C-alpha atoms as a PDB file:
ATOM      1  CA  MET A   1     -82.059 -55.965   0.592  1.00  0.00           C
ATOM      2  CA  LYS A   2     -78.627 -55.559   2.188  1.00  0.00           C
ATOM      3  CA  LEU A   3     -76.873 -52.271   2.974  1.00  0.00           C
ATOM      4  CA  ARG A   4     -73.131 -51.708   3.347  1.00  0.00           C
ATOM      5  CA  ILE A   5     -71.531 -48.371   4.179  1.00  0.00           C
ATOM      6  CA  PHE A   6     -68.098 -47.353   2.884  1.00  0.00           C
ATOM      7  CA  ILE A   7     -66.453 -44.347   4.598  1.00  0.00           C
ATOM      8  CA  ASP A   8     -63.445 -42.472   3.209  1.00  0.00           C
ATOM      9  CA  PHE A   9     -62.243 -41.415   6.693  1.00  0.00           C
ATOM     10  CA  TRP A  10     -60.038 -38.414   5.881  1.00  0.00           C
ATOM     11  CA  ASN A  11     -62.406 -37.052   3.248  1.00  0.00           C
ATOM     12  CA  PHE A  12     -65.254 -37.363   5.771  1.00  0.00           C
ATOM     13  CA  GLN A  13     -63.239 -35.963   8.700  1.00  0.00           C
ATOM     14  CA  LEU A  14     -61.984 -32.905   6.799  1.00  0.00           C
ATOM     15  CA  SER A  15     -65.486 -32.241   5.431  1.00  0.00           C
ATOM     16  CA  ILE A  16     -67.078 -32.464   8.870  1.00  0.00           C
ATOM     17  CA  ASN A  17     -64.367 -30.145  10.238  1.00  0.00           C
ATOM     18  CA  ASP A  18     -65.303 -27.606   7.546  1.00  0.00           C
ATOM     19  CA  SER A  19     -69.036 -27.964   8.237  1.00  0.00           C
ATOM     20  CA  ALA A  20     -69.181 -28.307  12.030  1.00  0.00           C
ATOM     21  CA  GLY A  21     -65.815 -26.992  13.204  1.00  0.00           C
ATOM     22  CA  LYS A  22     -62.615 -28.731  14.289  1.00  0.00           C
ATOM     23  CA  GLU A  23     -63.852 -29.117  17.869  1.00  0.00           C
ATOM     24  CA  TYR A  24     -66.863 -31.209  16.757  1.00  0.00           C
ATOM     25  CA  ARG A  25     -66.682 -34.847  17.879  1.00  0.00           C
ATOM     26  CA  ILE A  26     -68.701 -37.572  16.218  1.00  0.00           C
ATOM     27  CA  ASP A  27     -70.223 -40.516  18.033  1.00  0.00           C
ATOM     28  CA  TRP A  28     -69.300 -43.324  15.648  1.00  0.00           C
ATOM     29  CA  THR A  29     -71.942 -45.607  17.170  1.00  0.00           C
ATOM     30  CA  LYS A  30     -74.658 -43.233  15.890  1.00  0.00           C
ATOM     31  CA  LEU A  31     -73.515 -42.656  12.294  1.00  0.00           C
ATOM     32  CA  SER A  32     -74.405 -46.040  10.745  1.00  0.00           C
ATOM     33  CA  PRO A  33     -77.891 -46.176  12.346  1.00  0.00           C
ATOM     34  CA  TRP A  34     -78.573 -42.627  11.126  1.00  0.00           C
ATOM     35  CA  LEU A  35     -77.493 -43.529   7.576  1.00  0.00           C
ATOM     36  CA  LEU A  36     -79.590 -46.722   7.709  1.00  0.00           C
ATOM     37  CA  THR A  37     -82.664 -44.657   8.658  1.00  0.00           C
ATOM     38  CA  GLU A  38     -82.025 -42.289   5.736  1.00  0.00           C
ATOM     39  CA  VAL A  39     -81.607 -45.186   3.281  1.00  0.00           C
ATOM     40  CA  ARG A  40     -84.762 -46.899   4.534  1.00  0.00           C
ATOM     41  CA  ALA A  41     -86.686 -43.655   3.918  1.00  0.00           C
ATOM     42  CA  LEU A  42     -85.283 -43.483   0.368  1.00  0.00           C
ATOM     43  CA  ILE A  43     -85.740 -47.113  -0.687  1.00  0.00           C
ATOM     44  CA  ASP A  44     -87.393 -49.630   1.599  1.00  0.00           C
ATOM     45  CA  PRO A  45     -87.995 -49.818   5.381  1.00  0.00           C
ATOM     46  CA  SER A  46     -86.966 -53.479   5.434  1.00  0.00           C
ATOM     47  CA  ILE A  47     -83.358 -52.954   4.270  1.00  0.00           C
ATOM     48  CA  THR A  48     -80.930 -54.690   6.607  1.00  0.00           C
ATOM     49  CA  PHE A  49     -77.610 -53.262   7.750  1.00  0.00           C
ATOM     50  CA  GLU A  50     -74.634 -55.536   7.066  1.00  0.00           C
ATOM     51  CA  GLU A  51     -71.499 -53.529   7.859  1.00  0.00           C
ATOM     52  CA  THR A  52     -69.699 -50.185   7.862  1.00  0.00           C
ATOM     53  CA  ARG A  53     -66.162 -50.130   6.508  1.00  0.00           C
ATOM     54  CA  VAL A  54     -63.953 -47.186   7.481  1.00  0.00           C
ATOM     55  CA  TYR A  55     -60.861 -46.639   5.329  1.00  0.00           C
ATOM     56  CA  LEU A  56     -58.070 -44.476   6.725  1.00  0.00           C
ATOM     57  CA  SER A  57     -54.437 -43.752   6.040  1.00  0.00           C
ATOM     58  CA  PHE A  58     -51.730 -43.006   8.586  1.00  0.00           C
ATOM     59  CA  ASN A  59     -48.105 -41.921   8.739  1.00  0.00           C
ATOM     60  CA  PRO A  60     -46.223 -44.310  11.058  1.00  0.00           C
ATOM     61  CA  ARG A  61     -43.608 -41.641  11.826  1.00  0.00           C
ATOM     62  CA  ARG A  62     -46.066 -39.139  13.346  1.00  0.00           C
ATOM     63  CA  SER A  63     -47.121 -39.426  16.994  1.00  0.00           C
ATOM     64  CA  GLU A  64     -50.593 -38.034  16.159  1.00  0.00           C
ATOM     65  CA  ASP A  65     -51.054 -40.805  13.623  1.00  0.00           C
ATOM     66  CA  LYS A  66     -49.922 -43.426  16.158  1.00  0.00           C
ATOM     67  CA  ARG A  67     -52.758 -42.256  18.421  1.00  0.00           C
ATOM     68  CA  LEU A  68     -55.154 -42.376  15.450  1.00  0.00           C
ATOM     69  CA  ARG A  69     -54.043 -45.903  14.589  1.00  0.00           C
ATOM     70  CA  ASP A  70     -54.421 -47.033  18.210  1.00  0.00           C
ATOM     71  CA  TRP A  71     -57.917 -45.489  18.392  1.00  0.00           C
ATOM     72  CA  ALA A  72     -58.922 -47.100  15.077  1.00  0.00           C
ATOM     73  CA  ASN A  73     -57.631 -50.536  16.132  1.00  0.00           C
ATOM     74  CA  ASN A  74     -58.686 -50.535  19.781  1.00  0.00           C
ATOM     75  CA  THR A  75     -61.898 -48.491  19.774  1.00  0.00           C
ATOM     76  CA  LEU A  76     -63.471 -47.877  16.368  1.00  0.00           C
ATOM     77  CA  ASP A  77     -62.875 -51.410  15.072  1.00  0.00           C
ATOM     78  CA  HIS A  78     -64.593 -52.829  18.185  1.00  0.00           C
ATOM     79  CA  PHE A  79     -67.897 -51.005  17.665  1.00  0.00           C
ATOM     80  CA  PRO A  80     -70.647 -53.352  16.416  1.00  0.00           C
ATOM     81  CA  GLY A  81     -70.802 -53.554  12.629  1.00  0.00           C
ATOM     82  CA  ILE A  82     -67.655 -51.479  11.996  1.00  0.00           C
ATOM     83  CA  TYR A  83     -64.619 -52.835  10.186  1.00  0.00           C
ATOM     84  CA  VAL A  84     -61.508 -50.653   9.802  1.00  0.00           C
ATOM     85  CA  VAL A  85     -59.146 -50.793   6.821  1.00  0.00           C
ATOM     86  CA  MET A  86     -55.850 -48.966   7.406  1.00  0.00           C
ATOM     87  CA  VAL A  87     -53.323 -47.987   4.761  1.00  0.00           C
ATOM     88  CA  GLU A  88     -49.828 -46.746   5.613  1.00  0.00           C
ATOM     89  CA  ARG A  89     -48.815 -43.525   3.863  1.00  0.00           C
ATOM     90  CA  LYS A  90     -45.643 -43.896   1.840  1.00  0.00           C
ATOM     91  CA  PRO A  91     -42.756 -41.413   1.723  1.00  0.00           C
ATOM     92  CA  LYS A  92     -42.970 -38.932  -1.119  1.00  0.00           C
ATOM     93  CA  ASN A  93     -39.846 -37.719  -2.858  1.00  0.00           C
ATOM     94  CA  PRO A  94     -38.901 -34.120  -2.144  1.00  0.00           C
ATOM     95  CA  PRO A  95     -39.495 -31.622  -4.960  1.00  0.00           C
ATOM     96  CA  ALA A  96     -37.096 -31.368  -7.868  1.00  0.00           C
ATOM     97  CA  CYS A  97     -36.045 -28.449 -10.007  1.00  0.00           C
ATOM     98  CA  PRO A  98     -38.132 -28.427 -13.215  1.00  0.00           C
ATOM     99  CA  VAL A  99     -35.060 -27.475 -15.296  1.00  0.00           C
ATOM    100  CA  CYS A 100     -32.091 -29.526 -14.009  1.00  0.00           C
ATOM    101  CA  HIS A 101     -34.159 -32.091 -12.029  1.00  0.00           C
ATOM    102  CA  SER A 102     -31.942 -31.743  -8.937  1.00  0.00           C
ATOM    103  CA  ILE A 103     -33.656 -32.763  -5.700  1.00  0.00           C
ATOM    104  CA  ILE A 104     -34.392 -29.794  -3.427  1.00  0.00           C
ATOM    105  CA  ASP A 105     -33.945 -31.148   0.086  1.00  0.00           C
ATOM    106  CA  PRO A 106     -33.433 -29.682   2.619  1.00  0.00           C
ATOM    107  CA  CYS A 107     -35.278 -26.376   2.270  1.00  0.00           C
ATOM    108  CA  PRO A 108     -32.773 -23.731   1.107  1.00  0.00           C
ATOM    109  CA  LYS A 109     -34.275 -21.174   3.515  1.00  0.00           C
ATOM    110  CA  CYS A 110     -34.841 -23.009   6.836  1.00  0.00           C
ATOM    111  CA  GLY A 111     -32.995 -26.309   6.363  1.00  0.00           C
ATOM    112  CA  ALA A 112     -36.042 -28.514   7.126  1.00  0.00           C
ATOM    113  CA  SER A 113     -36.681 -31.623   5.079  1.00  0.00           C
ATOM    114  CA  MET A 114     -39.097 -31.138   2.214  1.00  0.00           C
ATOM    115  CA  SER A 115     -39.971 -34.826   2.052  1.00  0.00           C
ATOM    116  CA  GLY A 116     -43.559 -35.632   2.836  1.00  0.00           C
ATOM    117  CA  THR A 117     -45.921 -38.543   2.557  1.00  0.00           C
ATOM    118  CA  ILE A 118     -48.506 -39.490   0.015  1.00  0.00           C
ATOM    119  CA  GLU A 119     -51.726 -41.409   0.518  1.00  0.00           C
ATOM    120  CA  LYS A 120     -51.765 -44.333  -1.843  1.00  0.00           C
ATOM    121  CA  GLY A 121     -54.260 -47.096  -1.565  1.00  0.00           C
ATOM    122  CA  VAL A 122     -57.348 -45.818   0.289  1.00  0.00           C
ATOM    123  CA  ASP A 123     -59.363 -45.044  -2.849  1.00  0.00           C
ATOM    124  CA  THR A 124     -58.192 -48.300  -4.419  1.00  0.00           C
ATOM    125  CA  ALA A 125     -59.208 -50.278  -1.315  1.00  0.00           C
ATOM    126  CA  ILE A 126     -62.673 -48.694  -1.338  1.00  0.00           C
ATOM    127  CA  VAL A 127     -63.224 -49.386  -5.048  1.00  0.00           C
ATOM    128  CA  THR A 128     -61.901 -52.937  -4.717  1.00  0.00           C
ATOM    129  CA  ASP A 129     -64.261 -53.657  -1.821  1.00  0.00           C
ATOM    130  CA  LEU A 130     -67.244 -52.010  -3.540  1.00  0.00           C
ATOM    131  CA  LEU A 131     -66.715 -54.181  -6.612  1.00  0.00           C
ATOM    132  CA  SER A 132     -65.692 -57.453  -4.956  1.00  0.00           C
ATOM    133  CA  LEU A 133     -68.486 -57.335  -2.365  1.00  0.00           C
ATOM    134  CA  ALA A 134     -71.006 -56.543  -5.109  1.00  0.00           C
ATOM    135  CA  TRP A 135     -69.691 -59.492  -7.120  1.00  0.00           C
ATOM    136  CA  GLU A 136     -70.148 -61.687  -4.011  1.00  0.00           C
ATOM    137  CA  ASN A 137     -73.752 -60.394  -3.635  1.00  0.00           C
ATOM    138  CA  ALA A 138     -72.813 -58.986  -0.216  1.00  0.00           C
ATOM    139  CA  TRP A 139     -74.788 -55.767  -0.800  1.00  0.00           C
ATOM    140  CA  ASP A 140     -77.694 -54.422  -2.828  1.00  0.00           C
ATOM    141  CA  VAL A 141     -77.363 -50.819  -1.682  1.00  0.00           C
ATOM    142  CA  ALA A 142     -74.125 -49.082  -0.730  1.00  0.00           C
ATOM    143  CA  VAL A 143     -73.622 -45.733   0.949  1.00  0.00           C
ATOM    144  CA  LEU A 144     -70.351 -44.129  -0.114  1.00  0.00           C
ATOM    145  CA  VAL A 145     -69.313 -41.439   2.368  1.00  0.00           C
ATOM    146  CA  SER A 146     -66.953 -39.255   0.356  1.00  0.00           C
ATOM    147  CA  SER A 147     -66.909 -36.260  -1.944  1.00  0.00           C
ATOM    148  CA  ASP A 148     -64.005 -37.569  -4.034  1.00  0.00           C
ATOM    149  CA  ARG A 149     -64.840 -37.530  -7.734  1.00  0.00           C
ATOM    150  CA  ASP A 150     -62.306 -40.334  -8.359  1.00  0.00           C
ATOM    151  CA  PHE A 151     -65.080 -42.771  -7.416  1.00  0.00           C
ATOM    152  CA  ILE A 152     -67.317 -41.722 -10.332  1.00  0.00           C
ATOM    153  CA  PRO A 153     -66.190 -44.419 -12.853  1.00  0.00           C
ATOM    154  CA  SER A 154     -66.735 -47.288 -10.397  1.00  0.00           C
ATOM    155  CA  VAL A 155     -70.099 -45.879  -9.270  1.00  0.00           C
ATOM    156  CA  GLU A 156     -71.242 -45.564 -12.886  1.00  0.00           C
ATOM    157  CA  MET A 157     -70.166 -49.140 -13.652  1.00  0.00           C
ATOM    158  CA  LEU A 158     -72.026 -50.462 -10.593  1.00  0.00           C
ATOM    159  CA  SER A 159     -75.127 -48.489 -11.636  1.00  0.00           C
ATOM    160  CA  ARG A 160     -75.060 -50.123 -15.068  1.00  0.00           C
ATOM    161  CA  LYS A 161     -75.067 -53.507 -13.315  1.00  0.00           C
ATOM    162  CA  GLY A 162     -78.136 -52.611 -11.241  1.00  0.00           C
ATOM    163  CA  TYR A 163     -76.477 -51.739  -7.931  1.00  0.00           C
ATOM    164  CA  ARG A 164     -77.621 -48.663  -6.054  1.00  0.00           C
ATOM    165  CA  VAL A 165     -74.829 -46.480  -4.694  1.00  0.00           C
ATOM    166  CA  ILE A 166     -75.969 -43.587  -2.531  1.00  0.00           C
ATOM    167  CA  ASN A 167     -73.517 -40.780  -1.912  1.00  0.00           C
ATOM    168  CA  ALA A 168     -73.383 -39.225   1.563  1.00  0.00           C
ATOM    169  CA  HIS A 169     -71.570 -35.891   1.554  1.00  0.00           C
ATOM    170  CA  PHE A 170     -71.606 -32.289   2.776  1.00  0.00           C
ATOM    171  CA  PRO A 171     -73.023 -30.147  -0.051  1.00  0.00           C
ATOM    172  CA  PRO A 172     -71.828 -28.264  -2.009  1.00  0.00           C
ATOM    173  CA  LYS A 173     -68.701 -30.440  -1.826  1.00  0.00           C
ATOM    174  CA  GLY A 174     -68.937 -33.643  -3.834  1.00  0.00           C
ATOM    175  CA  MET A 175     -71.772 -32.644  -6.123  1.00  0.00           C
ATOM    176  CA  GLU A 176     -70.137 -34.335  -9.144  1.00  0.00           C
ATOM    177  CA  LEU A 177     -69.961 -37.678  -7.326  1.00  0.00           C
ATOM    178  CA  ALA A 178     -73.492 -37.225  -5.967  1.00  0.00           C
ATOM    179  CA  LYS A 179     -74.838 -36.667  -9.505  1.00  0.00           C
ATOM    180  CA  SER A 180     -73.364 -39.967 -10.689  1.00  0.00           C
ATOM    181  CA  CYS A 181     -74.897 -41.914  -7.787  1.00  0.00           C
ATOM    182  CA  TRP A 182     -78.420 -43.328  -7.569  1.00  0.00           C
ATOM    183  CA  ALA A 183     -79.252 -40.855  -4.779  1.00  0.00           C
ATOM    184  CA  SER A 184     -77.491 -38.681  -2.221  1.00  0.00           C
ATOM    185  CA  ILE A 185     -77.752 -37.921   1.481  1.00  0.00           C
ATOM    186  CA  ASP A 186     -76.910 -34.522   2.962  1.00  0.00           C
ATOM    187  CA  LEU A 187     -74.597 -35.250   5.891  1.00  0.00           C
ATOM    188  CA  SER A 188     -75.033 -31.768   7.343  1.00  0.00           C
ATOM    189  CA  LYS A 189     -78.415 -33.022   8.641  1.00  0.00           C
ATOM    190  CA  ALA A 190     -76.556 -35.629  10.723  1.00  0.00           C
ATOM    191  CA  ILE A 191     -74.353 -33.119  12.578  1.00  0.00           C
ATOM    192  CA  PRO A 192     -76.728 -32.509  15.508  1.00  0.00           C
ATOM    193  CA  VAL A 193     -77.801 -36.174  15.651  1.00  0.00           C
ATOM    194  CA  VAL A 194     -74.458 -38.007  15.658  1.00  0.00           C
ATOM    195  CA  SER A 195     -72.420 -35.754  17.945  1.00  0.00           C
ATOM    196  CA  ARG A 196     -70.824 -36.898  21.199  1.00  0.00           C
END
């Protein structure tokens, strides 16, 4: 049996910040082996690890995101068994008045731009890869590291087709997604094991 791991980077990062604190640093070389051990205990000790895919979005106009992109391309993507999928955040229109629909930009109080960015594409990329790699028989068991309930329909469809999707999350966040999966893994147990 083949295992693939799919990580929703920002969902995971924000959840680990909430659970372990913002100063916590993960050793990315330890996370996949820890998850593999947990899956082997749940299903079968002979399951083989195929790959971990990490999906992240970035804003090309922010210097912090440039550093994140450089780290993802030059460090994370070079770790054995890790493949990074990056999605550029797109500009979001500033807010509009609900009555006259006039755009409110800049801020009437401070003059700053109210335009932001929106993440479009990370969830779609994860679902597309889950489904296409299943169709190609590239995995029998998948670990989905996220607490985002938007994945529930695809997980339920994969379950009906006989695929086992295991949700890895930080309870109590993500309980709805965990309930729709074949099993779940409590990531709070990994905090002391996968730290730098």
